[in-house]
Every structure is written in C-alpha cells, then in structure tokens.
Amino acid sequence: MYKLKNYMEILVDQMYDEATQDMDICKCPRCVLDVKAIALNTLKPRYIVADENYLYVKISMMQQQYKADIISAITKGTMIVSEEPRHD
C-alpha cells in the first residue's frame, strides 16, 4: 500500500532525542511537540509517495543529507520553547 509522507516529520521525530540529549529543557509532551512543530515549520517539507519498504530505505538515506539542518532547527525550537513554555 502506498502512503504520502513528509520525510522531515519522520526525521525530526527520529533525531529529536539525539539533538536534545545534552540540553536542559522541559521534556513534557507539550514542550516536545512545540519544539518539533517549530522545527518543522522552519524546514522545507519533503513529501514522497512510497510503499513501507521503500519509505524505510529512503528515510535512512535522507537522514544523513539533512542531519545538520534538522539538528539546527530543533535547537532553535528548544530555545524558543524554553523562553516561553506553554505547558501548565
């Protein structure tokens, strides 16, 4: 079955923990999602239509290509969220 996917969303999810492991930031679900949303809004979306097997291979290839951009976007997102967290 074919699926429409934004690679960047998958890659941000996969790289979030690595990018934030040494940061002293809130890890509540709201803050994590806010950081990911900010990062995704700054990254150019990369959509593909593919089956599950091809999607897995393509994501692995693209992770290296966009790694620096994704880590930078996540870092910027954490700074914004840390200044004004929206959790209770």
C-alpha atoms as a PDB file:
ATOM      1  CA  MET A   1       0.000   0.000   0.000  1.00  0.00           C
ATOM      2  CA  TYR A   2       1.284   3.431  -0.884  1.00  0.00           C
ATOM      3  CA  LYS A   3       1.470   6.264   1.606  1.00  0.00           C
ATOM      4  CA  LEU A   4       2.024  10.005   1.383  1.00  0.00           C
ATOM      5  CA  LYS A   5       4.694  11.041   3.883  1.00  0.00           C
ATOM      6  CA  ASN A   6       6.649  14.140   4.773  1.00  0.00           C
ATOM      7  CA  TYR A   7      10.191  12.853   5.339  1.00  0.00           C
ATOM      8  CA  MET A   8      11.039  15.811   7.520  1.00  0.00           C
ATOM      9  CA  GLU A   9       8.388  14.899  10.086  1.00  0.00           C
ATOM     10  CA  ILE A  10       9.774  11.384  10.351  1.00  0.00           C
ATOM     11  CA  LEU A  11      13.371  12.602  10.543  1.00  0.00           C
ATOM     12  CA  VAL A  12      12.608  15.236  13.205  1.00  0.00           C
ATOM     13  CA  ASP A  13      10.885  12.551  15.303  1.00  0.00           C
ATOM     14  CA  GLN A  14      13.851  10.202  14.890  1.00  0.00           C
ATOM     15  CA  MET A  15      16.514  12.811  15.620  1.00  0.00           C
ATOM     16  CA  TYR A  16      14.807  14.731  18.446  1.00  0.00           C
ATOM     17  CA  ASP A  17      16.293  12.720  21.338  1.00  0.00           C
ATOM     18  CA  GLU A  18      19.816  12.842  19.891  1.00  0.00           C
ATOM     19  CA  ALA A  19      19.604  16.583  19.222  1.00  0.00           C
ATOM     20  CA  THR A  20      18.336  17.418  22.721  1.00  0.00           C
ATOM     21  CA  GLN A  21      20.163  14.865  24.886  1.00  0.00           C
ATOM     22  CA  ASP A  22      22.652  17.379  26.316  1.00  0.00           C
ATOM     23  CA  MET A  23      20.148  20.212  26.706  1.00  0.00           C
ATOM     24  CA  ASP A  24      18.493  21.180  29.972  1.00  0.00           C
ATOM     25  CA  ILE A  25      14.966  21.555  28.623  1.00  0.00           C
ATOM     26  CA  CYS A  26      11.462  20.546  29.621  1.00  0.00           C
ATOM     27  CA  LYS A  27      10.616  17.056  28.380  1.00  0.00           C
ATOM     28  CA  CYS A  28       6.845  17.251  28.904  1.00  0.00           C
ATOM     29  CA  PRO A  29       4.779  16.147  25.881  1.00  0.00           C
ATOM     30  CA  ARG A  30       3.547  19.690  25.155  1.00  0.00           C
ATOM     31  CA  CYS A  31       7.047  21.201  25.044  1.00  0.00           C
ATOM     32  CA  VAL A  32       8.409  18.339  22.946  1.00  0.00           C
ATOM     33  CA  LEU A  33       5.609  18.762  20.398  1.00  0.00           C
ATOM     34  CA  ASP A  34       6.031  22.549  20.385  1.00  0.00           C
ATOM     35  CA  VAL A  35       9.750  22.176  19.615  1.00  0.00           C
ATOM     36  CA  LYS A  36       9.032  19.670  16.839  1.00  0.00           C
ATOM     37  CA  ALA A  37       6.345  21.935  15.350  1.00  0.00           C
ATOM     38  CA  ILE A  38       8.685  24.934  15.338  1.00  0.00           C
ATOM     39  CA  ALA A  39      11.445  22.847  13.743  1.00  0.00           C
ATOM     40  CA  LEU A  40       9.106  21.502  11.057  1.00  0.00           C
ATOM     41  CA  ASN A  41       7.820  24.979  10.269  1.00  0.00           C
ATOM     42  CA  THR A  42      11.381  26.123   9.543  1.00  0.00           C
ATOM     43  CA  LEU A  43      12.392  23.084   7.472  1.00  0.00           C
ATOM     44  CA  LYS A  44      11.326  22.640   3.870  1.00  0.00           C
ATOM     45  CA  PRO A  45       8.851  19.745   3.636  1.00  0.00           C
ATOM     46  CA  ARG A  46       9.941  16.732   1.611  1.00  0.00           C
ATOM     47  CA  TYR A  47       6.971  14.638   0.518  1.00  0.00           C
ATOM     48  CA  ILE A  48       7.079  11.244  -1.143  1.00  0.00           C
ATOM     49  CA  VAL A  49       4.589   8.614  -2.193  1.00  0.00           C
ATOM     50  CA  ALA A  50       6.015   5.191  -1.425  1.00  0.00           C
ATOM     51  CA  ASP A  51       5.311   1.777  -0.012  1.00  0.00           C
ATOM     52  CA  GLU A  52       6.533   0.874   3.503  1.00  0.00           C
ATOM     53  CA  ASN A  53       9.755  -0.869   2.391  1.00  0.00           C
ATOM     54  CA  TYR A  54      10.913   1.926   0.097  1.00  0.00           C
ATOM     55  CA  LEU A  55       9.998   4.528   2.694  1.00  0.00           C
ATOM     56  CA  TYR A  56      12.315   2.926   5.266  1.00  0.00           C
ATOM     57  CA  VAL A  57      15.281   2.862   2.856  1.00  0.00           C
ATOM     58  CA  LYS A  58      14.694   6.424   1.649  1.00  0.00           C
ATOM     59  CA  ILE A  59      14.435   7.791   5.204  1.00  0.00           C
ATOM     60  CA  SER A  60      17.801   6.272   6.099  1.00  0.00           C
ATOM     61  CA  MET A  61      19.417   7.920   3.075  1.00  0.00           C
ATOM     62  CA  MET A  62      17.850  11.328   3.708  1.00  0.00           C
ATOM     63  CA  GLN A  63      18.750  11.393   7.403  1.00  0.00           C
ATOM     64  CA  GLN A  64      22.426  11.948   6.635  1.00  0.00           C
ATOM     65  CA  GLN A  65      21.666  14.507   3.947  1.00  0.00           C
ATOM     66  CA  TYR A  66      19.544  16.736   6.190  1.00  0.00           C
ATOM     67  CA  LYS A  67      21.018  15.965   9.621  1.00  0.00           C
ATOM     68  CA  ALA A  68      22.698  19.349  10.234  1.00  0.00           C
ATOM     69  CA  ASP A  69      19.628  21.303   9.137  1.00  0.00           C
ATOM     70  CA  ILE A  70      17.338  19.225  11.346  1.00  0.00           C
ATOM     71  CA  ILE A  71      19.553  19.496  14.432  1.00  0.00           C
ATOM     72  CA  SER A  72      19.806  23.256  13.904  1.00  0.00           C
ATOM     73  CA  ALA A  73      16.016  23.605  13.571  1.00  0.00           C
ATOM     74  CA  ILE A  74      15.404  21.516  16.699  1.00  0.00           C
ATOM     75  CA  THR A  75      17.967  23.569  18.636  1.00  0.00           C
ATOM     76  CA  LYS A  76      16.287  26.821  17.605  1.00  0.00           C
ATOM     77  CA  GLY A  77      12.920  25.363  18.568  1.00  0.00           C
ATOM     78  CA  THR A  78      14.172  24.428  22.038  1.00  0.00           C
ATOM     79  CA  MET A  79      15.437  27.964  22.612  1.00  0.00           C
ATOM     80  CA  ILE A  80      12.063  29.450  21.649  1.00  0.00           C
ATOM     81  CA  VAL A  81      10.066  26.987  23.766  1.00  0.00           C
ATOM     82  CA  SER A  82      12.418  27.363  26.751  1.00  0.00           C
ATOM     83  CA  GLU A  83      11.844  31.132  26.739  1.00  0.00           C
ATOM     84  CA  GLU A  84       8.056  30.809  26.699  1.00  0.00           C
ATOM     85  CA  PRO A  85       6.841  27.291  27.531  1.00  0.00           C
ATOM     86  CA  ARG A  86       3.113  26.763  27.050  1.00  0.00           C
ATOM     87  CA  HIS A  87       2.621  23.854  29.450  1.00  0.00           C
ATOM     88  CA  ASP A  88       0.593  24.061  32.668  1.00  0.00           C
END
